[in-house]
Amino acid sequence: MLGPELAESCLAALERAVREVGLGLDPDCRVQEVTRQIFHRFRELGSVEALARSTDLSIRDIHKQIAGRASRGIVGEITKHTRALQPPAL
């Protein structure tokens, strides 16, 4: 399940994408591009969440694993949030 931090990050990506795409002549193309960028961002951040949940890699190592596609700050937030929700190991 995607947490609120991931949703906020994706919303920020949407706002950035709308600004970057700008006012084109074809609104359908703009909507399609923004939609592609949103789903791309979900995949990137979802991989951070999956790595945080399934490994004990450091934030720096997770950032390297995703090849810097998200800032280290975002990786840190997602990692801390994901690991805080996990039950303690026995």
C-alpha atoms as a PDB file:
ATOM      1  CA  MET A   1       0.000   0.000   0.000  1.00  0.00           C
ATOM      2  CA  LEU A   2       1.272   3.477  -0.833  1.00  0.00           C
ATOM      3  CA  GLY A   3       1.707   5.778   2.134  1.00  0.00           C
ATOM      4  CA  PRO A   4       0.844   9.467   2.401  1.00  0.00           C
ATOM      5  CA  GLU A   5       4.455  10.519   1.780  1.00  0.00           C
ATOM      6  CA  LEU A   6       4.448   8.631  -1.510  1.00  0.00           C
ATOM      7  CA  ALA A   7       1.142  10.217  -2.491  1.00  0.00           C
ATOM      8  CA  GLU A   8       2.481  13.697  -1.650  1.00  0.00           C
ATOM      9  CA  SER A   9       5.632  13.026  -3.639  1.00  0.00           C
ATOM     10  CA  CYS A  10       3.590  11.898  -6.630  1.00  0.00           C
ATOM     11  CA  LEU A  11       1.370  14.960  -6.367  1.00  0.00           C
ATOM     12  CA  ALA A  12       4.496  17.121  -6.404  1.00  0.00           C
ATOM     13  CA  ALA A  13       5.687  15.191  -9.476  1.00  0.00           C
ATOM     14  CA  LEU A  14       2.333  15.873 -11.138  1.00  0.00           C
ATOM     15  CA  GLU A  15       2.615  19.595 -10.428  1.00  0.00           C
ATOM     16  CA  ARG A  16       6.193  19.613 -11.766  1.00  0.00           C
ATOM     17  CA  ALA A  17       5.146  17.671 -14.849  1.00  0.00           C
ATOM     18  CA  VAL A  18       2.329  20.104 -15.588  1.00  0.00           C
ATOM     19  CA  ARG A  19       4.781  23.016 -15.336  1.00  0.00           C
ATOM     20  CA  GLU A  20       7.397  21.259 -17.488  1.00  0.00           C
ATOM     21  CA  VAL A  21       4.997  20.181 -20.219  1.00  0.00           C
ATOM     22  CA  GLY A  22       3.624  23.719 -20.404  1.00  0.00           C
ATOM     23  CA  LEU A  23       0.900  24.963 -22.660  1.00  0.00           C
ATOM     24  CA  GLY A  24       1.072  22.857 -25.789  1.00  0.00           C
ATOM     25  CA  LEU A  25      -1.264  22.979 -28.744  1.00  0.00           C
ATOM     26  CA  ASP A  26      -2.800  19.571 -28.064  1.00  0.00           C
ATOM     27  CA  PRO A  27      -4.295  19.174 -24.569  1.00  0.00           C
ATOM     28  CA  ASP A  28      -4.607  15.380 -25.062  1.00  0.00           C
ATOM     29  CA  CYS A  29      -0.850  15.082 -25.540  1.00  0.00           C
ATOM     30  CA  ARG A  30      -0.244  17.125 -22.399  1.00  0.00           C
ATOM     31  CA  VAL A  31      -2.596  14.935 -20.358  1.00  0.00           C
ATOM     32  CA  GLN A  32      -0.988  11.757 -21.717  1.00  0.00           C
ATOM     33  CA  GLU A  33       2.518  13.006 -20.928  1.00  0.00           C
ATOM     34  CA  VAL A  34       1.588  14.049 -17.403  1.00  0.00           C
ATOM     35  CA  THR A  35      -0.126  10.693 -16.825  1.00  0.00           C
ATOM     36  CA  ARG A  36       2.995   8.833 -18.041  1.00  0.00           C
ATOM     37  CA  GLN A  37       5.181  10.883 -15.713  1.00  0.00           C
ATOM     38  CA  ILE A  38       2.900  10.215 -12.735  1.00  0.00           C
ATOM     39  CA  PHE A  39       2.960   6.451 -13.257  1.00  0.00           C
ATOM     40  CA  HIS A  40       6.714   6.520 -13.849  1.00  0.00           C
ATOM     41  CA  ARG A  41       7.115   8.320 -10.509  1.00  0.00           C
ATOM     42  CA  PHE A  42       4.908   5.725  -8.761  1.00  0.00           C
ATOM     43  CA  ARG A  43       7.102   2.914 -10.152  1.00  0.00           C
ATOM     44  CA  GLU A  44      10.298   4.650  -9.009  1.00  0.00           C
ATOM     45  CA  LEU A  45       9.043   5.350  -5.517  1.00  0.00           C
ATOM     46  CA  GLY A  46       7.383   1.947  -5.238  1.00  0.00           C
ATOM     47  CA  SER A  47      10.768   0.331  -5.853  1.00  0.00           C
ATOM     48  CA  VAL A  48      12.185   2.367  -2.958  1.00  0.00           C
ATOM     49  CA  GLU A  49       9.394   1.114  -0.720  1.00  0.00           C
ATOM     50  CA  ALA A  50       9.952  -2.487  -1.848  1.00  0.00           C
ATOM     51  CA  LEU A  51      13.707  -2.284  -1.204  1.00  0.00           C
ATOM     52  CA  ALA A  52      13.141  -0.721   2.217  1.00  0.00           C
ATOM     53  CA  ARG A  53      10.648  -3.429   3.159  1.00  0.00           C
ATOM     54  CA  SER A  54      12.573  -6.428   1.846  1.00  0.00           C
ATOM     55  CA  THR A  55      16.194  -5.545   2.671  1.00  0.00           C
ATOM     56  CA  ASP A  56      18.207  -3.922   5.402  1.00  0.00           C
ATOM     57  CA  LEU A  57      20.125  -1.721   2.959  1.00  0.00           C
ATOM     58  CA  SER A  58      21.037   1.768   4.140  1.00  0.00           C
ATOM     59  CA  ILE A  59      19.322   4.799   2.655  1.00  0.00           C
ATOM     60  CA  ARG A  60      22.502   5.547   0.698  1.00  0.00           C
ATOM     61  CA  ASP A  61      22.571   1.996  -0.739  1.00  0.00           C
ATOM     62  CA  ILE A  62      18.882   2.129  -1.688  1.00  0.00           C
ATOM     63  CA  HIS A  63      19.530   5.484  -3.387  1.00  0.00           C
ATOM     64  CA  LYS A  64      22.341   3.817  -5.370  1.00  0.00           C
ATOM     65  CA  GLN A  65      20.113   0.822  -6.237  1.00  0.00           C
ATOM     66  CA  ILE A  66      17.508   3.067  -7.852  1.00  0.00           C
ATOM     67  CA  ALA A  67      20.276   4.953  -9.672  1.00  0.00           C
ATOM     68  CA  GLY A  68      19.370   8.290  -8.119  1.00  0.00           C
ATOM     69  CA  ARG A  69      15.918   8.476  -9.768  1.00  0.00           C
ATOM     70  CA  ALA A  70      14.589   9.994  -6.534  1.00  0.00           C
ATOM     71  CA  SER A  71      16.360  12.363  -4.172  1.00  0.00           C
ATOM     72  CA  ARG A  72      18.140  10.911  -1.170  1.00  0.00           C
ATOM     73  CA  GLY A  73      15.746  12.874   1.065  1.00  0.00           C
ATOM     74  CA  ILE A  74      12.690  11.199  -0.505  1.00  0.00           C
ATOM     75  CA  VAL A  75      14.414   7.809  -0.288  1.00  0.00           C
ATOM     76  CA  GLY A  76      15.119   8.462   3.400  1.00  0.00           C
ATOM     77  CA  GLU A  77      11.532   9.476   4.152  1.00  0.00           C
ATOM     78  CA  ILE A  78      10.044   6.453   2.394  1.00  0.00           C
ATOM     79  CA  THR A  79      12.579   4.084   3.970  1.00  0.00           C
ATOM     80  CA  LYS A  80      12.003   5.383   7.510  1.00  0.00           C
ATOM     81  CA  HIS A  81       8.229   5.345   7.099  1.00  0.00           C
ATOM     82  CA  THR A  82       8.182   1.836   5.592  1.00  0.00           C
ATOM     83  CA  ARG A  83      10.476   0.365   8.229  1.00  0.00           C
ATOM     84  CA  ALA A  84       8.573   2.054  11.073  1.00  0.00           C
ATOM     85  CA  LEU A  85       5.435   0.199   9.954  1.00  0.00           C
ATOM     86  CA  GLN A  86       7.123  -3.199   9.954  1.00  0.00           C
ATOM     87  CA  PRO A  87       6.729  -5.433  12.985  1.00  0.00           C
ATOM     88  CA  PRO A  88       9.958  -5.900  14.947  1.00  0.00           C
ATOM     89  CA  ALA A  89      12.089  -8.901  14.013  1.00  0.00           C
ATOM     90  CA  LEU A  90      12.074 -11.781  16.445  1.00  0.00           C
END
